[in-house]
Amino acid sequence: MAGLALRKFLLLIPVVFIVSVATFLLLNLLPGNPVYLILGPGATPKGVAQLTAQLHLNRPIYDRYADWLWAALHGNFGESYLNHVASSSLIKQALPVTLELLIYSQVIALAVSVPLGVYAARRPGGWVDQGSSSVAFGLLAAPAFLVGVLLVGLFAVHWHLFPATGYRHLSSDPGGNLRSLFLPSVTLAVGLLAVYLRLLRSDMIATLQQDYITVARAKGLRPRYILWRHAFRPSMFSLVTVIGLNVGALIGGAFLVEVIFGIPGIGSLTLHSIYQRDYLVVQACVLIIAVGYVLVNFTVDLIYPLLDPRVRRVRS
């Protein structure tokens, strides 16, 4: 297991390097100059030249990339062009908020989809299977922004159960934190649980038709024990894979949801920095998000041998 983890980790190095290069180049090739935004309408040629040299924007792009990458490896992503606050400080404030939102969304999606998927696979064609499948197809067709607006209209405006916007910190008000993130989390979880439900149901039905399940039934084992002990773990491969891949979709959805619900997460920080052409903050946010996505899929790859030891023997 340690050897497998080491090999996978070494493969991450070129991936992260390519991601950093792409992030830096794409943002530096965008039209517009942050110098004019900082100086405002009263910018003069002399002031533009001085600020360009101060921000090292007059140096070759490969030199600026090398300096930026070396500083990023030491946790220094530069300072914001606008308010002169370290990008790392802004990310430390925003990243935990987004992580809470993503974790809550995954927990809600799995808490609903796993029991329904297992029960639907146990009785395919039953009323639970047909009802959950119909609802899942409907949820897959609903865009996140529409779901968010509907939830706000019902639970915040009409019933006054949850706040429509804002965020409460977990350390200062745990109950308020859950209430402030409930609607955004459900908005993100709606599309996820539909995918998880359909995927787990299909894999469970296929697993329950395997020969070893028939042998377990012939031995007289209880159906519930067979379902959870012998069928559930082998059916988790596709679900675990999709959970890792859906992190990217979750992050993209979080950008929209954070704006709709006024949540000060990394999505709101990134979009605000893009509008202000605050490139160093945008580069830091994009790099953190990309590295996080790669690490999540690295973790998912390590979970496979834990679900089925045969994977470990095949790879060795």
Protein backbone atom coordinates (compact mmCIF):
# COMPACT_ATOMS: atom_id res chain seq x y z
CA MET A 1 0.00 0.00 0.00
CA ALA A 2 2.85 2.39 0.82
CA GLY A 3 4.54 1.64 -2.51
CA LEU A 4 1.30 2.27 -4.38
CA ALA A 5 0.81 5.58 -2.58
CA LEU A 6 4.39 6.64 -3.37
CA ARG A 7 4.04 5.83 -7.08
CA LYS A 8 0.78 7.73 -7.32
CA PHE A 9 2.25 10.69 -5.48
CA LEU A 10 5.21 10.87 -7.85
CA LEU A 11 2.79 10.96 -10.78
CA LEU A 12 1.14 14.00 -9.23
CA ILE A 13 4.27 16.13 -9.57
CA PRO A 14 4.17 16.59 -13.39
CA VAL A 15 0.38 17.04 -13.25
CA VAL A 16 0.64 19.85 -10.70
CA PHE A 17 3.50 21.42 -12.68
CA ILE A 18 1.43 21.45 -15.89
CA VAL A 19 -1.51 22.91 -13.99
CA SER A 20 0.66 25.69 -12.59
CA VAL A 21 2.06 26.54 -16.03
CA ALA A 22 -1.40 26.60 -17.60
CA THR A 23 -2.77 28.73 -14.77
CA PHE A 24 0.00 31.30 -15.02
CA LEU A 25 0.03 31.52 -18.82
CA LEU A 26 -3.73 31.72 -19.31
CA LEU A 27 -4.18 34.50 -16.79
CA ASN A 28 -1.23 36.49 -18.10
CA LEU A 29 -2.50 36.23 -21.68
CA LEU A 30 -5.87 37.74 -20.80
CA PRO A 31 -6.55 41.19 -22.27
CA GLY A 32 -6.30 44.19 -19.99
CA ASN A 33 -3.63 45.62 -17.75
CA PRO A 34 -4.07 45.71 -13.97
CA VAL A 35 -1.82 48.78 -13.80
CA TYR A 36 -4.50 50.98 -15.36
CA LEU A 37 -7.11 49.55 -13.00
CA ILE A 38 -4.95 50.33 -9.97
CA LEU A 39 -4.06 53.86 -11.06
CA GLY A 40 -7.55 54.70 -12.28
CA PRO A 41 -8.56 57.33 -14.84
CA GLY A 42 -5.74 59.66 -13.79
CA ALA A 43 -2.98 57.28 -14.90
CA THR A 44 0.00 58.95 -16.54
CA PRO A 45 2.65 57.30 -18.73
CA LYS A 46 5.28 57.88 -16.03
CA GLY A 47 3.05 56.40 -13.31
CA VAL A 48 2.20 53.42 -15.52
CA ALA A 49 5.89 52.76 -16.17
CA GLN A 50 6.80 53.05 -12.48
CA LEU A 51 4.01 50.75 -11.30
CA THR A 52 4.73 48.24 -14.09
CA ALA A 53 8.33 48.01 -12.92
CA GLN A 54 7.23 47.82 -9.28
CA LEU A 55 4.93 44.89 -10.02
CA HIS A 56 7.64 43.25 -12.22
CA LEU A 57 5.23 43.19 -15.16
CA ASN A 58 7.99 44.42 -17.48
CA ARG A 59 10.02 41.24 -17.03
CA PRO A 60 9.79 38.22 -19.38
CA ILE A 61 6.91 35.91 -18.63
CA TYR A 62 9.15 32.90 -17.93
CA ASP A 63 11.08 34.86 -15.31
CA ARG A 64 7.87 35.94 -13.64
CA TYR A 65 6.60 32.35 -13.70
CA ALA A 66 9.78 31.01 -12.10
CA ASP A 67 9.62 33.59 -9.33
CA TRP A 68 5.90 33.00 -8.79
CA LEU A 69 6.28 29.21 -8.66
CA TRP A 70 9.21 29.37 -6.24
CA ALA A 71 7.28 31.71 -3.97
CA ALA A 72 4.13 29.56 -4.23
CA LEU A 73 6.05 26.47 -3.14
CA HIS A 74 6.90 28.41 0.03
CA GLY A 75 3.28 29.47 0.57
CA ASN A 76 3.72 32.98 -0.78
CA PHE A 77 1.28 33.78 -3.59
CA GLY A 78 1.99 37.49 -3.67
CA GLU A 79 -0.14 40.43 -2.61
CA SER A 80 -3.38 41.69 -4.01
CA TYR A 81 -2.90 44.52 -6.48
CA LEU A 82 -5.85 46.42 -5.04
CA ASN A 83 -5.72 46.21 -1.23
CA HIS A 84 -2.11 45.00 -0.76
CA VAL A 85 -3.23 42.04 1.37
CA ALA A 86 -1.39 38.75 0.99
CA SER A 87 -3.25 36.34 -1.29
CA SER A 88 -2.59 33.52 1.17
CA SER A 89 -4.44 35.46 3.89
CA LEU A 90 -7.46 35.96 1.63
CA ILE A 91 -7.47 32.25 0.75
CA LYS A 92 -7.18 31.20 4.40
CA GLN A 93 -10.34 33.16 5.12
CA ALA A 94 -12.31 31.93 2.11
CA LEU A 95 -11.17 28.31 1.67
CA PRO A 96 -12.67 26.88 4.93
CA VAL A 97 -16.05 28.32 3.97
CA THR A 98 -16.01 26.58 0.60
CA LEU A 99 -14.77 23.33 2.15
CA GLU A 100 -17.68 23.39 4.59
CA LEU A 101 -20.09 23.93 1.71
CA LEU A 102 -18.60 21.05 -0.32
CA ILE A 103 -18.54 18.67 2.65
CA TYR A 104 -22.13 19.45 3.64
CA SER A 105 -23.24 18.94 0.04
CA GLN A 106 -21.54 15.55 -0.22
CA VAL A 107 -22.93 14.42 3.14
CA ILE A 108 -26.47 15.37 2.17
CA ALA A 109 -26.17 13.73 -1.25
CA LEU A 110 -24.75 10.47 0.14
CA ALA A 111 -27.13 10.35 3.11
CA VAL A 112 -30.08 10.42 0.72
CA SER A 113 -28.77 8.51 -2.29
CA VAL A 114 -27.07 5.52 -0.60
CA PRO A 115 -30.09 4.19 1.37
CA LEU A 116 -32.43 4.85 -1.54
CA GLY A 117 -30.06 3.26 -4.05
CA VAL A 118 -29.56 0.14 -1.95
CA TYR A 119 -33.27 -0.25 -1.26
CA ALA A 120 -34.16 0.31 -4.92
CA ALA A 121 -31.62 -2.34 -5.98
CA ARG A 122 -33.03 -4.78 -3.44
CA ARG A 123 -36.50 -4.47 -4.95
CA PRO A 124 -36.03 -3.38 -8.59
CA GLY A 125 -39.24 -2.33 -10.23
CA GLY A 126 -40.91 -1.55 -6.90
CA TRP A 127 -42.57 1.71 -6.00
CA VAL A 128 -39.41 3.02 -4.29
CA ASP A 129 -37.32 2.19 -7.35
CA GLN A 130 -39.73 3.75 -9.81
CA GLY A 131 -40.41 6.81 -7.67
CA SER A 132 -36.75 7.52 -6.92
CA SER A 133 -35.80 7.03 -10.56
CA SER A 134 -38.44 9.50 -11.73
CA VAL A 135 -37.38 12.08 -9.15
CA ALA A 136 -33.69 11.55 -10.02
CA PHE A 137 -34.30 12.21 -13.71
CA GLY A 138 -36.18 15.37 -12.82
CA LEU A 139 -33.40 16.58 -10.53
CA LEU A 140 -30.76 15.96 -13.18
CA ALA A 141 -32.62 18.32 -15.52
CA ALA A 142 -32.83 21.13 -12.94
CA PRO A 143 -29.97 23.69 -13.12
CA ALA A 144 -28.36 24.74 -9.85
CA PHE A 145 -29.29 28.41 -10.15
CA LEU A 146 -32.97 27.51 -10.62
CA VAL A 147 -32.93 25.13 -7.64
CA GLY A 148 -31.27 27.79 -5.50
CA VAL A 149 -33.84 30.43 -6.39
CA LEU A 150 -36.72 28.02 -5.69
CA LEU A 151 -35.28 27.01 -2.33
CA VAL A 152 -34.82 30.64 -1.33
CA GLY A 153 -38.38 31.44 -2.36
CA LEU A 154 -39.84 28.55 -0.35
CA PHE A 155 -37.67 28.13 2.73
CA ALA A 156 -36.39 31.69 3.20
CA VAL A 157 -39.04 34.06 1.82
CA HIS A 158 -42.26 32.08 2.27
CA TRP A 159 -41.63 29.88 5.35
CA HIS A 160 -38.78 31.86 6.98
CA LEU A 161 -36.98 28.67 8.04
CA PHE A 162 -33.49 29.45 6.76
CA PRO A 163 -31.65 32.67 5.88
CA ALA A 164 -31.59 33.61 2.21
CA THR A 165 -28.06 35.03 2.26
CA GLY A 166 -25.09 35.41 4.58
CA TYR A 167 -22.74 33.12 6.45
CA ARG A 168 -22.17 32.36 10.13
CA HIS A 169 -18.82 30.98 11.25
CA LEU A 170 -18.76 27.49 12.70
CA SER A 171 -16.58 28.45 15.65
CA SER A 172 -18.81 31.30 16.80
CA ASP A 173 -22.26 29.86 16.05
CA PRO A 174 -22.47 26.15 15.06
CA GLY A 175 -26.25 26.20 14.77
CA GLY A 176 -26.24 29.37 12.73
CA ASN A 177 -23.51 27.92 10.55
CA LEU A 178 -25.65 24.89 9.67
CA ARG A 179 -28.67 27.09 8.99
CA SER A 180 -26.73 29.49 6.78
CA LEU A 181 -25.23 26.67 4.68
CA PHE A 182 -28.28 24.42 4.50
CA LEU A 183 -29.90 25.93 1.41
CA PRO A 184 -26.61 26.30 -0.53
CA SER A 185 -25.65 22.73 0.37
CA VAL A 186 -28.99 21.33 -0.76
CA THR A 187 -28.69 23.33 -3.99
CA LEU A 188 -25.39 21.62 -4.76
CA ALA A 189 -26.49 18.22 -3.46
CA VAL A 190 -29.61 17.97 -5.64
CA GLY A 191 -27.73 17.13 -8.82
CA LEU A 192 -25.22 14.92 -7.02
CA LEU A 193 -27.71 12.69 -5.25
CA ALA A 194 -29.52 11.99 -8.51
CA VAL A 195 -26.28 10.75 -10.10
CA TYR A 196 -25.22 8.78 -7.03
CA LEU A 197 -28.63 7.15 -6.70
CA ARG A 198 -28.81 5.93 -10.27
CA LEU A 199 -25.21 4.76 -10.32
CA LEU A 200 -25.36 2.84 -7.03
CA ARG A 201 -28.67 1.26 -7.96
CA SER A 202 -27.31 -0.05 -11.27
CA ASP A 203 -24.10 -1.40 -9.73
CA MET A 204 -25.95 -3.03 -6.84
CA ILE A 205 -28.35 -4.81 -9.20
CA ALA A 206 -25.40 -6.15 -11.21
CA THR A 207 -23.56 -7.25 -8.05
CA LEU A 208 -26.60 -9.04 -6.63
CA GLN A 209 -26.62 -11.25 -9.74
CA GLN A 210 -23.08 -12.53 -9.17
CA ASP A 211 -22.41 -16.17 -8.30
CA TYR A 212 -20.95 -15.50 -4.86
CA ILE A 213 -24.18 -13.73 -3.88
CA THR A 214 -26.10 -16.83 -4.94
CA VAL A 215 -23.77 -18.96 -2.81
CA ALA A 216 -24.29 -16.65 0.16
CA ARG A 217 -28.04 -16.99 -0.21
CA ALA A 218 -27.74 -20.76 -0.49
CA LYS A 219 -25.87 -20.78 2.82
CA GLY A 220 -28.88 -19.19 4.47
CA LEU A 221 -27.35 -15.82 5.26
CA ARG A 222 -29.76 -13.04 6.03
CA PRO A 223 -30.68 -10.85 3.01
CA ARG A 224 -29.73 -7.66 4.83
CA TYR A 225 -26.33 -9.10 5.77
CA ILE A 226 -25.71 -10.15 2.17
CA LEU A 227 -26.79 -6.76 0.92
CA TRP A 228 -24.50 -4.67 3.13
CA ARG A 229 -21.62 -7.08 3.76
CA HIS A 230 -21.16 -8.81 0.38
CA ALA A 231 -22.83 -6.58 -2.21
CA PHE A 232 -22.37 -3.01 -1.01
CA ARG A 233 -18.55 -2.76 -0.98
CA PRO A 234 -17.96 -4.17 -4.49
CA SER A 235 -20.65 -1.80 -5.77
CA MET A 236 -18.85 1.25 -4.38
CA PHE A 237 -16.13 1.43 -7.07
CA SER A 238 -18.10 3.51 -9.56
CA LEU A 239 -19.62 5.62 -6.81
CA VAL A 240 -16.23 6.45 -5.28
CA THR A 241 -14.86 7.31 -8.74
CA VAL A 242 -17.76 9.63 -9.51
CA ILE A 243 -17.45 11.28 -6.08
CA GLY A 244 -13.85 12.17 -6.91
CA LEU A 245 -14.66 13.36 -10.41
CA ASN A 246 -17.64 15.37 -9.18
CA VAL A 247 -15.38 17.52 -7.02
CA GLY A 248 -14.70 19.61 -10.11
CA ALA A 249 -18.41 19.99 -10.81
CA LEU A 250 -18.98 20.80 -7.15
CA ILE A 251 -16.37 23.56 -7.21
CA GLY A 252 -17.89 25.00 -10.38
CA GLY A 253 -21.33 24.89 -8.79
CA ALA A 254 -19.96 26.44 -5.60
CA PHE A 255 -18.84 29.50 -7.60
CA LEU A 256 -22.43 30.12 -8.64
CA VAL A 257 -24.03 29.15 -5.33
CA GLU A 258 -21.71 31.36 -3.30
CA VAL A 259 -22.68 34.36 -5.40
CA ILE A 260 -26.42 33.59 -5.17
CA PHE A 261 -26.39 33.10 -1.39
CA GLY A 262 -23.75 35.71 -0.56
CA ILE A 263 -21.25 33.24 0.92
CA PRO A 264 -17.67 34.55 1.31
CA GLY A 265 -15.99 31.45 -0.07
CA ILE A 266 -13.18 30.96 -2.52
CA GLY A 267 -15.63 31.06 -5.43
CA SER A 268 -16.77 34.56 -4.53
CA LEU A 269 -13.16 35.59 -3.96
CA THR A 270 -12.11 34.27 -7.37
CA LEU A 271 -14.95 35.90 -9.27
CA HIS A 272 -14.44 39.22 -7.50
CA SER A 273 -10.72 39.09 -8.30
CA ILE A 274 -11.44 38.29 -11.95
CA TYR A 275 -13.72 41.31 -12.26
CA GLN A 276 -11.06 43.50 -10.65
CA ARG A 277 -8.23 41.95 -12.72
CA ASP A 278 -6.42 41.09 -9.50
CA TYR A 279 -4.33 38.45 -11.24
CA LEU A 280 -2.18 37.28 -8.34
CA VAL A 281 -5.23 36.44 -6.24
CA VAL A 282 -6.87 34.67 -9.19
CA GLN A 283 -3.72 32.64 -9.84
CA ALA A 284 -3.54 31.61 -6.20
CA CYS A 285 -7.21 30.60 -6.09
CA VAL A 286 -7.05 28.63 -9.34
CA LEU A 287 -3.85 26.85 -8.29
CA ILE A 288 -5.29 25.89 -4.89
CA ILE A 289 -8.48 24.60 -6.49
CA ALA A 290 -6.60 22.60 -9.13
CA VAL A 291 -4.20 21.06 -6.63
CA GLY A 292 -7.11 20.21 -4.34
CA TYR A 293 -8.92 18.47 -7.20
CA VAL A 294 -5.81 16.45 -8.04
CA LEU A 295 -5.31 15.45 -4.39
CA VAL A 296 -8.93 14.33 -4.07
CA ASN A 297 -8.60 12.03 -7.06
CA PHE A 298 -5.28 10.80 -5.67
CA THR A 299 -7.09 9.88 -2.45
CA VAL A 300 -9.87 8.17 -4.42
CA ASP A 301 -7.28 6.06 -6.22
CA LEU A 302 -5.94 4.90 -2.85
CA ILE A 303 -9.41 3.93 -1.64
CA TYR A 304 -9.83 1.26 -4.34
CA PRO A 305 -7.49 -1.28 -2.66
CA LEU A 306 -9.32 -0.70 0.63
CA LEU A 307 -12.64 -1.57 -0.99
CA ASP A 308 -11.26 -4.67 -2.71
CA PRO A 309 -7.78 -6.11 -1.88
CA ARG A 310 -7.72 -7.81 -5.28
CA VAL A 311 -7.01 -4.42 -6.85
CA ARG A 312 -3.83 -4.16 -4.77
CA ARG A 313 -2.61 -7.58 -5.92
CA VAL A 314 -3.39 -6.84 -9.59
CA ARG A 315 -1.48 -3.53 -9.51
CA SER A 316 1.49 -5.08 -7.75
